[in-house]
């Protein structure tokens, strides 16, 4: 299937809690001038709190605004905190990614992930570094970066939270993953991304302000969510020192509750089943 050949972007100034909304339409084929005019006319006639400003661009332009054809560092000579600043070469993200269509599609989809925009980082507050590796050259920080405490507090304010989450899941520019709030980070107002988080090179000094906006998809919470015990979780808890008797006691209570609800006085019969006896013996 050919990629979309048209993108219609309708921007409303006031809708859905007075937030600026972007509506994106994709077509599988190029529309005729008559079809395009009819579509625009119908869209303009649709009920809307305020008049809509329409912009029509091609799918190729939409792709290039997300994944650039060529990118090169425009930071001052001597800057060493970005990957592009270290080699000063011209990279071609689109040409590199298009060789693997499935990977290119995933990278393109990165721009349409639902996330909450928060604060904007200046280029000199964004740090890129190599991943930590063990003695076997295996990556230990795959998809994990750090964010300064003051920056995390500003993110908290943008999200309307009463506490600073320990971890943020989100993206900034071409980077996505988990950011851990590090109280000892050298730049309290900065953010750090590792190489495994970078999906294609970005020139932070010349990129659009939206590419330097930290967008949060999820974050750690003070009250942990409810979870169900399964084989993996039980094995993990047991390996961390939780006695097996705790799980057997929970199992006995669950069986008793189920038997009392379904069978009443036959609770003792249920507990005598072979499968229950094997569990009680640790088998």
C-alpha atoms as a PDB file:
ATOM      1  CA  UNK A   1       0.000   0.000   0.000  1.00  0.00           C
ATOM      2  CA  UNK A   2       1.328   3.409  -0.923  1.00  0.00           C
ATOM      3  CA  UNK A   3       1.780   5.944   1.878  1.00  0.00           C
ATOM      4  CA  UNK A   4      -0.691   8.748   2.330  1.00  0.00           C
ATOM      5  CA  UNK A   5      -0.471  11.417  -0.360  1.00  0.00           C
ATOM      6  CA  UNK A   6      -2.316  14.167   1.437  1.00  0.00           C
ATOM      7  CA  UNK A   7      -2.469  15.635   4.933  1.00  0.00           C
ATOM      8  CA  UNK A   8      -5.103  18.133   5.972  1.00  0.00           C
ATOM      9  CA  UNK A   9      -4.384  19.865   9.227  1.00  0.00           C
ATOM     10  CA  UNK A  10      -7.295  21.689  10.865  1.00  0.00           C
ATOM     11  CA  UNK A  11      -6.261  23.767  13.873  1.00  0.00           C
ATOM     12  CA  UNK A  12      -8.939  25.068  16.214  1.00  0.00           C
ATOM     13  CA  UNK A  13      -8.174  27.847  18.637  1.00  0.00           C
ATOM     14  CA  UNK A  14     -10.758  26.911  21.221  1.00  0.00           C
ATOM     15  CA  UNK A  15     -12.242  23.465  21.741  1.00  0.00           C
ATOM     16  CA  UNK A  16     -11.988  20.569  24.166  1.00  0.00           C
ATOM     17  CA  UNK A  17     -11.209  22.477  27.359  1.00  0.00           C
ATOM     18  CA  UNK A  18      -9.894  25.498  25.415  1.00  0.00           C
ATOM     19  CA  UNK A  19      -6.860  23.520  24.219  1.00  0.00           C
ATOM     20  CA  UNK A  20      -5.475  23.870  20.710  1.00  0.00           C
ATOM     21  CA  UNK A  21      -6.375  20.697  18.830  1.00  0.00           C
ATOM     22  CA  UNK A  22      -4.903  19.297  15.651  1.00  0.00           C
ATOM     23  CA  UNK A  23      -7.006  17.039  13.446  1.00  0.00           C
ATOM     24  CA  UNK A  24      -5.027  15.033  10.904  1.00  0.00           C
ATOM     25  CA  UNK A  25      -6.568  13.296   7.905  1.00  0.00           C
ATOM     26  CA  UNK A  26      -4.777  10.778   5.699  1.00  0.00           C
ATOM     27  CA  UNK A  27      -5.838   9.615   2.248  1.00  0.00           C
ATOM     28  CA  UNK A  28      -4.622   6.460   0.502  1.00  0.00           C
ATOM     29  CA  UNK A  29      -4.648   8.148  -2.910  1.00  0.00           C
ATOM     30  CA  UNK A  30      -4.299  11.627  -4.302  1.00  0.00           C
ATOM     31  CA  UNK A  31      -7.642  13.401  -4.346  1.00  0.00           C
ATOM     32  CA  UNK A  32      -8.951  15.282  -7.347  1.00  0.00           C
ATOM     33  CA  UNK A  33      -9.312  19.076  -7.107  1.00  0.00           C
ATOM     34  CA  UNK A  34     -13.104  18.635  -6.994  1.00  0.00           C
ATOM     35  CA  UNK A  35     -12.908  16.096  -4.139  1.00  0.00           C
ATOM     36  CA  UNK A  36     -10.473  18.269  -2.227  1.00  0.00           C
ATOM     37  CA  UNK A  37     -12.635  21.385  -2.630  1.00  0.00           C
ATOM     38  CA  UNK A  38     -15.734  19.474  -1.506  1.00  0.00           C
ATOM     39  CA  UNK A  39     -13.942  18.080   1.534  1.00  0.00           C
ATOM     40  CA  UNK A  40     -12.661  21.512   2.562  1.00  0.00           C
ATOM     41  CA  UNK A  41     -16.107  23.026   2.089  1.00  0.00           C
ATOM     42  CA  UNK A  42     -17.787  20.380   4.243  1.00  0.00           C
ATOM     43  CA  UNK A  43     -15.159  20.790   6.950  1.00  0.00           C
ATOM     44  CA  UNK A  44     -15.573  24.546   7.047  1.00  0.00           C
ATOM     45  CA  UNK A  45     -19.360  24.206   7.302  1.00  0.00           C
ATOM     46  CA  UNK A  46     -19.123  21.828  10.260  1.00  0.00           C
ATOM     47  CA  UNK A  47     -20.246  23.228  13.643  1.00  0.00           C
ATOM     48  CA  UNK A  48     -17.244  24.685  15.460  1.00  0.00           C
ATOM     49  CA  UNK A  49     -16.873  27.098  18.400  1.00  0.00           C
ATOM     50  CA  UNK A  50     -14.533  29.236  16.336  1.00  0.00           C
ATOM     51  CA  UNK A  51     -13.532  29.501  12.677  1.00  0.00           C
ATOM     52  CA  UNK A  52     -10.908  27.002  11.578  1.00  0.00           C
ATOM     53  CA  UNK A  53      -7.659  27.793   9.881  1.00  0.00           C
ATOM     54  CA  UNK A  54      -6.816  25.078   7.386  1.00  0.00           C
ATOM     55  CA  UNK A  55      -3.436  24.138   6.042  1.00  0.00           C
ATOM     56  CA  UNK A  56      -2.951  21.574   3.299  1.00  0.00           C
ATOM     57  CA  UNK A  57       0.436  19.885   2.935  1.00  0.00           C
ATOM     58  CA  UNK A  58       1.558  16.671   1.290  1.00  0.00           C
ATOM     59  CA  UNK A  59       2.332  13.461   3.144  1.00  0.00           C
ATOM     60  CA  UNK A  60       5.957  13.840   2.022  1.00  0.00           C
ATOM     61  CA  UNK A  61       6.154  17.234   3.731  1.00  0.00           C
ATOM     62  CA  UNK A  62       4.552  15.754   6.842  1.00  0.00           C
ATOM     63  CA  UNK A  63       7.156  12.989   6.954  1.00  0.00           C
ATOM     64  CA  UNK A  64      10.077  15.354   6.436  1.00  0.00           C
ATOM     65  CA  UNK A  65       8.828  17.656   9.178  1.00  0.00           C
ATOM     66  CA  UNK A  66       9.112  14.666  11.524  1.00  0.00           C
ATOM     67  CA  UNK A  67      12.089  12.682  10.185  1.00  0.00           C
ATOM     68  CA  UNK A  68      14.519  15.051   8.402  1.00  0.00           C
ATOM     69  CA  UNK A  69      16.388  14.198   5.236  1.00  0.00           C
ATOM     70  CA  UNK A  70      19.660  15.694   6.425  1.00  0.00           C
ATOM     71  CA  UNK A  71      20.773  16.952   9.816  1.00  0.00           C
ATOM     72  CA  UNK A  72      24.061  18.462  10.998  1.00  0.00           C
ATOM     73  CA  UNK A  73      25.171  20.139  14.192  1.00  0.00           C
ATOM     74  CA  UNK A  74      24.750  23.910  14.346  1.00  0.00           C
ATOM     75  CA  UNK A  75      26.055  24.262  17.895  1.00  0.00           C
ATOM     76  CA  UNK A  76      29.108  26.386  18.557  1.00  0.00           C
ATOM     77  CA  UNK A  77      32.509  24.850  17.916  1.00  0.00           C
ATOM     78  CA  UNK A  78      33.704  23.122  21.048  1.00  0.00           C
ATOM     79  CA  UNK A  79      30.315  21.822  22.165  1.00  0.00           C
ATOM     80  CA  UNK A  80      30.662  18.166  23.122  1.00  0.00           C
ATOM     81  CA  UNK A  81      27.366  17.439  24.882  1.00  0.00           C
ATOM     82  CA  UNK A  82      25.513  16.251  21.752  1.00  0.00           C
ATOM     83  CA  UNK A  83      26.315  13.316  19.481  1.00  0.00           C
ATOM     84  CA  UNK A  84      26.209  15.510  16.349  1.00  0.00           C
ATOM     85  CA  UNK A  85      28.662  17.955  17.904  1.00  0.00           C
ATOM     86  CA  UNK A  86      31.321  15.270  18.250  1.00  0.00           C
ATOM     87  CA  UNK A  87      31.627  14.284  14.584  1.00  0.00           C
ATOM     88  CA  UNK A  88      30.228  17.415  12.828  1.00  0.00           C
ATOM     89  CA  UNK A  89      29.151  15.141   9.951  1.00  0.00           C
ATOM     90  CA  UNK A  90      25.947  15.411   7.935  1.00  0.00           C
ATOM     91  CA  UNK A  91      23.595  12.562   8.808  1.00  0.00           C
ATOM     92  CA  UNK A  92      20.656  11.382   6.695  1.00  0.00           C
ATOM     93  CA  UNK A  93      18.048   9.922   9.069  1.00  0.00           C
ATOM     94  CA  UNK A  94      15.382   9.324   6.424  1.00  0.00           C
ATOM     95  CA  UNK A  95      17.720   7.483   4.050  1.00  0.00           C
ATOM     96  CA  UNK A  96      19.030   5.318   6.898  1.00  0.00           C
ATOM     97  CA  UNK A  97      15.580   4.400   8.216  1.00  0.00           C
ATOM     98  CA  UNK A  98      13.801   3.928   4.886  1.00  0.00           C
ATOM     99  CA  UNK A  99      15.993   0.890   4.178  1.00  0.00           C
ATOM    100  CA  UNK A 100      13.873  -0.950   6.757  1.00  0.00           C
ATOM    101  CA  UNK A 101      10.221   0.000   6.058  1.00  0.00           C
ATOM    102  CA  UNK A 102       8.874  -1.558   9.256  1.00  0.00           C
ATOM    103  CA  UNK A 103      11.395   0.362  11.361  1.00  0.00           C
ATOM    104  CA  UNK A 104      10.694   3.557   9.451  1.00  0.00           C
ATOM    105  CA  UNK A 105       6.948   3.157  10.109  1.00  0.00           C
ATOM    106  CA  UNK A 106       7.582   2.726  13.838  1.00  0.00           C
ATOM    107  CA  UNK A 107       9.767   5.833  13.942  1.00  0.00           C
ATOM    108  CA  UNK A 108       7.122   7.790  12.032  1.00  0.00           C
ATOM    109  CA  UNK A 109       4.475   6.609  14.478  1.00  0.00           C
ATOM    110  CA  UNK A 110       6.533   8.132  17.305  1.00  0.00           C
ATOM    111  CA  UNK A 111       5.170  11.536  16.373  1.00  0.00           C
ATOM    112  CA  UNK A 112       1.568  10.424  16.855  1.00  0.00           C
ATOM    113  CA  UNK A 113       1.924   8.898  20.318  1.00  0.00           C
ATOM    114  CA  UNK A 114      -0.528  10.312  22.827  1.00  0.00           C
ATOM    115  CA  UNK A 115       1.496  12.355  25.329  1.00  0.00           C
ATOM    116  CA  UNK A 116       1.143  15.509  27.434  1.00  0.00           C
ATOM    117  CA  UNK A 117       3.462  18.408  26.480  1.00  0.00           C
ATOM    118  CA  UNK A 118       5.163  19.974  29.493  1.00  0.00           C
ATOM    119  CA  UNK A 119       8.296  22.155  29.537  1.00  0.00           C
ATOM    120  CA  UNK A 120      10.708  23.214  26.804  1.00  0.00           C
ATOM    121  CA  UNK A 121      14.430  22.551  27.212  1.00  0.00           C
ATOM    122  CA  UNK A 122      17.061  24.784  25.681  1.00  0.00           C
ATOM    123  CA  UNK A 123      19.708  23.059  23.567  1.00  0.00           C
ATOM    124  CA  UNK A 124      22.399  23.631  26.199  1.00  0.00           C
ATOM    125  CA  UNK A 125      20.222  21.838  28.767  1.00  0.00           C
ATOM    126  CA  UNK A 126      19.978  18.630  26.735  1.00  0.00           C
ATOM    127  CA  UNK A 127      22.811  16.149  27.255  1.00  0.00           C
ATOM    128  CA  UNK A 128      23.501  13.049  25.168  1.00  0.00           C
ATOM    129  CA  UNK A 129      25.817  10.276  26.302  1.00  0.00           C
ATOM    130  CA  UNK A 130      26.690   6.670  25.552  1.00  0.00           C
ATOM    131  CA  UNK A 131      24.896   3.850  27.362  1.00  0.00           C
ATOM    132  CA  UNK A 132      26.462   2.118  30.327  1.00  0.00           C
ATOM    133  CA  UNK A 133      27.669  -1.398  29.519  1.00  0.00           C
ATOM    134  CA  UNK A 134      28.813  -4.351  31.585  1.00  0.00           C
ATOM    135  CA  UNK A 135      31.946  -6.400  31.053  1.00  0.00           C
ATOM    136  CA  UNK A 136      30.157  -8.422  28.338  1.00  0.00           C
ATOM    137  CA  UNK A 137      29.289  -5.212  26.442  1.00  0.00           C
ATOM    138  CA  UNK A 138      25.609  -5.579  27.226  1.00  0.00           C
ATOM    139  CA  UNK A 139      23.695  -2.330  27.632  1.00  0.00           C
ATOM    140  CA  UNK A 140      22.577  -1.607  31.185  1.00  0.00           C
ATOM    141  CA  UNK A 141      20.749   1.660  30.491  1.00  0.00           C
ATOM    142  CA  UNK A 142      18.659   0.584  27.502  1.00  0.00           C
ATOM    143  CA  UNK A 143      15.946   3.216  27.041  1.00  0.00           C
ATOM    144  CA  UNK A 144      16.753   4.992  30.310  1.00  0.00           C
ATOM    145  CA  UNK A 145      17.896   8.562  30.881  1.00  0.00           C
ATOM    146  CA  UNK A 146      18.014  11.134  33.685  1.00  0.00           C
ATOM    147  CA  UNK A 147      16.358  14.442  34.430  1.00  0.00           C
ATOM    148  CA  UNK A 148      17.390  17.084  36.951  1.00  0.00           C
ATOM    149  CA  UNK A 149      15.357  17.719  40.089  1.00  0.00           C
ATOM    150  CA  UNK A 150      14.411  21.332  39.278  1.00  0.00           C
ATOM    151  CA  UNK A 151      13.372  20.337  35.777  1.00  0.00           C
ATOM    152  CA  UNK A 152      11.279  17.497  37.228  1.00  0.00           C
ATOM    153  CA  UNK A 153       9.552  19.969  39.538  1.00  0.00           C
ATOM    154  CA  UNK A 154       8.636  22.139  36.552  1.00  0.00           C
ATOM    155  CA  UNK A 155       7.266  19.057  34.790  1.00  0.00           C
ATOM    156  CA  UNK A 156       5.239  18.269  37.893  1.00  0.00           C
ATOM    157  CA  UNK A 157       3.729  21.764  37.824  1.00  0.00           C
ATOM    158  CA  UNK A 158       2.837  21.376  34.149  1.00  0.00           C
ATOM    159  CA  UNK A 159       1.076  18.086  34.900  1.00  0.00           C
ATOM    160  CA  UNK A 160      -0.740  19.525  37.931  1.00  0.00           C
ATOM    161  CA  UNK A 161       0.713  16.960  40.343  1.00  0.00           C
ATOM    162  CA  UNK A 162       1.250  17.454  44.072  1.00  0.00           C
ATOM    163  CA  UNK A 163       4.397  15.314  44.139  1.00  0.00           C
ATOM    164  CA  UNK A 164       7.463  14.809  41.955  1.00  0.00           C
ATOM    165  CA  UNK A 165       7.290  11.364  40.309  1.00  0.00           C
ATOM    166  CA  UNK A 166      10.425   9.267  40.545  1.00  0.00           C
ATOM    167  CA  UNK A 167      10.191   8.258  36.876  1.00  0.00           C
ATOM    168  CA  UNK A 168       8.676   9.756  33.732  1.00  0.00           C
ATOM    169  CA  UNK A 169       7.805   7.827  30.585  1.00  0.00           C
ATOM    170  CA  UNK A 170       7.787  10.074  27.566  1.00  0.00           C
ATOM    171  CA  UNK A 171       9.689  11.555  24.671  1.00  0.00           C
ATOM    172  CA  UNK A 172      11.597  14.620  23.578  1.00  0.00           C
ATOM    173  CA  UNK A 173      12.360  15.132  19.921  1.00  0.00           C
ATOM    174  CA  UNK A 174      13.521  11.847  18.438  1.00  0.00           C
ATOM    175  CA  UNK A 175      14.165  10.309  21.872  1.00  0.00           C
ATOM    176  CA  UNK A 176      11.792   8.193  23.902  1.00  0.00           C
ATOM    177  CA  UNK A 177      12.005   6.019  26.988  1.00  0.00           C
ATOM    178  CA  UNK A 178      12.134   6.409  30.770  1.00  0.00           C
ATOM    179  CA  UNK A 179      13.651   9.359  32.611  1.00  0.00           C
ATOM    180  CA  UNK A 180      14.689   8.881  36.230  1.00  0.00           C
ATOM    181  CA  UNK A 181      14.701  11.924  38.489  1.00  0.00           C
ATOM    182  CA  UNK A 182      18.316  12.140  39.654  1.00  0.00           C
ATOM    183  CA  UNK A 183      18.874  14.481  42.615  1.00  0.00           C
ATOM    184  CA  UNK A 184      22.624  14.276  41.977  1.00  0.00           C
ATOM    185  CA  UNK A 185      22.457  15.174  38.292  1.00  0.00           C
ATOM    186  CA  UNK A 186      25.045  17.843  37.474  1.00  0.00           C
ATOM    187  CA  UNK A 187      22.488  20.191  35.856  1.00  0.00           C
ATOM    188  CA  UNK A 188      19.366  20.513  37.989  1.00  0.00           C
ATOM    189  CA  UNK A 189      17.524  22.107  35.043  1.00  0.00           C
ATOM    190  CA  UNK A 190      18.814  19.653  32.441  1.00  0.00           C
ATOM    191  CA  UNK A 191      17.779  16.391  30.857  1.00  0.00           C
ATOM    192  CA  UNK A 192      19.986  13.528  29.703  1.00  0.00           C
ATOM    193  CA  UNK A 193      19.323  10.983  26.960  1.00  0.00           C
ATOM    194  CA  UNK A 194      21.338   7.866  26.250  1.00  0.00           C
ATOM    195  CA  UNK A 195      22.187   6.568  22.783  1.00  0.00           C
ATOM    196  CA  UNK A 196      19.637   3.747  23.003  1.00  0.00           C
ATOM    197  CA  UNK A 197      16.887   6.356  23.427  1.00  0.00           C
ATOM    198  CA  UNK A 198      17.828   8.260  20.251  1.00  0.00           C
ATOM    199  CA  UNK A 199      15.865   7.026  17.224  1.00  0.00           C
ATOM    200  CA  UNK A 200      17.597   9.380  14.783  1.00  0.00           C
ATOM    201  CA  UNK A 201      20.112  12.251  15.200  1.00  0.00           C
ATOM    202  CA  UNK A 202      18.719  15.651  16.192  1.00  0.00           C
ATOM    203  CA  UNK A 203      20.328  19.063  15.989  1.00  0.00           C
ATOM    204  CA  UNK A 204      19.003  20.517  19.223  1.00  0.00           C
ATOM    205  CA  UNK A 205      20.294  24.002  18.444  1.00  0.00           C
ATOM    206  CA  UNK A 206      18.247  24.476  15.260  1.00  0.00           C
ATOM    207  CA  UNK A 207      15.299  22.108  15.680  1.00  0.00           C
ATOM    208  CA  UNK A 208      11.748  23.318  16.201  1.00  0.00           C
ATOM    209  CA  UNK A 209      10.685  24.242  19.729  1.00  0.00           C
ATOM    210  CA  UNK A 210       8.216  21.335  19.658  1.00  0.00           C
ATOM    211  CA  UNK A 211      11.138  18.937  19.291  1.00  0.00           C
ATOM    212  CA  UNK A 212      12.624  20.315  22.509  1.00  0.00           C
ATOM    213  CA  UNK A 213       9.353  19.939  24.408  1.00  0.00           C
ATOM    214  CA  UNK A 214       9.334  17.163  26.998  1.00  0.00           C
ATOM    215  CA  UNK A 215       6.134  15.172  26.477  1.00  0.00           C
ATOM    216  CA  UNK A 216       4.989  12.815  29.231  1.00  0.00           C
ATOM    217  CA  UNK A 217       3.038   9.678  28.439  1.00  0.00           C
ATOM    218  CA  UNK A 218       2.992   8.266  31.983  1.00  0.00           C
ATOM    219  CA  UNK A 219       4.732   8.670  35.329  1.00  0.00           C
ATOM    220  CA  UNK A 220       5.343   6.863  38.624  1.00  0.00           C
ATOM    221  CA  UNK A 221       2.674   7.195  41.293  1.00  0.00           C
ATOM    222  CA  UNK A 222       2.826   7.363  45.066  1.00  0.00           C
ATOM    223  CA  UNK A 223       0.154   4.685  45.497  1.00  0.00           C
ATOM    224  CA  UNK A 224       1.065   1.541  43.548  1.00  0.00           C
ATOM    225  CA  UNK A 225      -1.609   0.103  41.313  1.00  0.00           C
ATOM    226  CA  UNK A 226      -3.258  -3.184  42.239  1.00  0.00           C
ATOM    227  CA  UNK A 227      -1.629  -6.285  40.832  1.00  0.00           C
ATOM    228  CA  UNK A 228      -2.509  -9.957  40.555  1.00  0.00           C
ATOM    229  CA  UNK A 229      -0.106 -12.636  41.712  1.00  0.00           C
ATOM    230  CA  UNK A 230       1.197 -14.790  38.876  1.00  0.00           C
ATOM    231  CA  UNK A 231       4.057 -17.223  38.406  1.00  0.00           C
ATOM    232  CA  UNK A 232       6.553 -14.542  37.437  1.00  0.00           C
ATOM    233  CA  UNK A 233       5.674 -12.224  40.336  1.00  0.00           C
ATOM    234  CA  UNK A 234       5.668 -15.060  42.880  1.00  0.00           C
ATOM    235  CA  UNK A 235       9.089 -16.246  41.674  1.00  0.00           C
ATOM    236  CA  UNK A 236      10.430 -12.692  41.923  1.00  0.00           C
ATOM    237  CA  UNK A 237       9.050 -12.101  45.430  1.00  0.00           C
ATOM    238  CA  UNK A 238      10.332 -15.482  46.637  1.00  0.00           C
ATOM    239  CA  UNK A 239      13.788 -14.712  45.218  1.00  0.00           C
ATOM    240  CA  UNK A 240      13.746 -11.426  47.152  1.00  0.00           C
ATOM    241  CA  UNK A 241      13.120 -13.231  50.439  1.00  0.00           C
ATOM    242  CA  UNK A 242       9.333 -13.541  50.816  1.00  0.00           C
ATOM    243  CA  UNK A 243       8.686 -16.914  52.543  1.00  0.00           C
ATOM    244  CA  UNK A 244       6.703 -19.445  50.505  1.00  0.00           C
ATOM    245  CA  UNK A 245       4.378 -19.862  53.498  1.00  0.00           C
ATOM    246  CA  UNK A 246       2.972 -16.400  52.722  1.00  0.00           C
ATOM    247  CA  UNK A 247       1.790 -17.540  49.290  1.00  0.00           C
ATOM    248  CA  UNK A 248       0.386 -20.795  50.674  1.00  0.00           C
ATOM    249  CA  UNK A 249      -1.588 -18.854  53.268  1.00  0.00           C
ATOM    250  CA  UNK A 250      -2.985 -16.517  50.630  1.00  0.00           C
ATOM    251  CA  UNK A 251      -3.886 -19.519  48.500  1.00  0.00           C
ATOM    252  CA  UNK A 252      -5.697 -21.215  51.395  1.00  0.00           C
ATOM    253  CA  UNK A 253      -7.713 -18.073  52.116  1.00  0.00           C
ATOM    254  CA  UNK A 254      -8.669 -17.724  48.469  1.00  0.00           C
ATOM    255  CA  UNK A 255      -9.763 -21.357  48.199  1.00  0.00           C
ATOM    256  CA  UNK A 256     -11.770 -21.099  51.424  1.00  0.00           C
ATOM    257  CA  UNK A 257     -13.489 -17.940  50.208  1.00  0.00           C
ATOM    258  CA  UNK A 258     -14.301 -19.524  46.860  1.00  0.00           C
ATOM    259  CA  UNK A 259     -15.600 -22.722  48.482  1.00  0.00           C
ATOM    260  CA  UNK A 260     -17.755 -20.822  50.976  1.00  0.00           C
ATOM    261  CA  UNK A 261     -19.302 -18.785  48.168  1.00  0.00           C
ATOM    262  CA  UNK A 262     -19.919 -21.662  45.769  1.00  0.00           C
ATOM    263  CA  UNK A 263     -20.377 -24.735  47.944  1.00  0.00           C
ATOM    264  CA  UNK A 264     -21.181 -23.566  51.465  1.00  0.00           C
ATOM    265  CA  UNK A 265     -20.611 -26.500  53.865  1.00  0.00           C
ATOM    266  CA  UNK A 266     -18.532 -28.386  51.282  1.00  0.00           C
ATOM    267  CA  UNK A 267     -15.535 -26.148  51.953  1.00  0.00           C
ATOM    268  CA  UNK A 268     -13.689 -28.978  53.667  1.00  0.00           C
ATOM    269  CA  UNK A 269     -14.257 -31.236  50.671  1.00  0.00           C
ATOM    270  CA  UNK A 270     -12.666 -28.689  48.368  1.00  0.00           C
ATOM    271  CA  UNK A 271      -9.591 -28.398  50.583  1.00  0.00           C
ATOM    272  CA  UNK A 272      -9.141 -32.194  50.417  1.00  0.00           C
ATOM    273  CA  UNK A 273      -8.754 -32.221  46.625  1.00  0.00           C
ATOM    274  CA  UNK A 274      -5.380 -33.607  45.437  1.00  0.00           C
ATOM    275  CA  UNK A 275      -4.438 -30.367  43.705  1.00  0.00           C
ATOM    276  CA  UNK A 276      -4.817 -28.471  46.988  1.00  0.00           C
ATOM    277  CA  UNK A 277      -2.794 -31.072  48.882  1.00  0.00           C
ATOM    278  CA  UNK A 278       0.026 -30.850  46.357  1.00  0.00           C
ATOM    279  CA  UNK A 279       0.067 -27.075  46.668  1.00  0.00           C
ATOM    280  CA  UNK A 280       0.160 -27.275  50.463  1.00  0.00           C
ATOM    281  CA  UNK A 281       3.195 -29.576  50.201  1.00  0.00           C
ATOM    282  CA  UNK A 282       4.995 -27.092  48.009  1.00  0.00           C
ATOM    283  CA  UNK A 283       4.735 -29.226  44.900  1.00  0.00           C
END
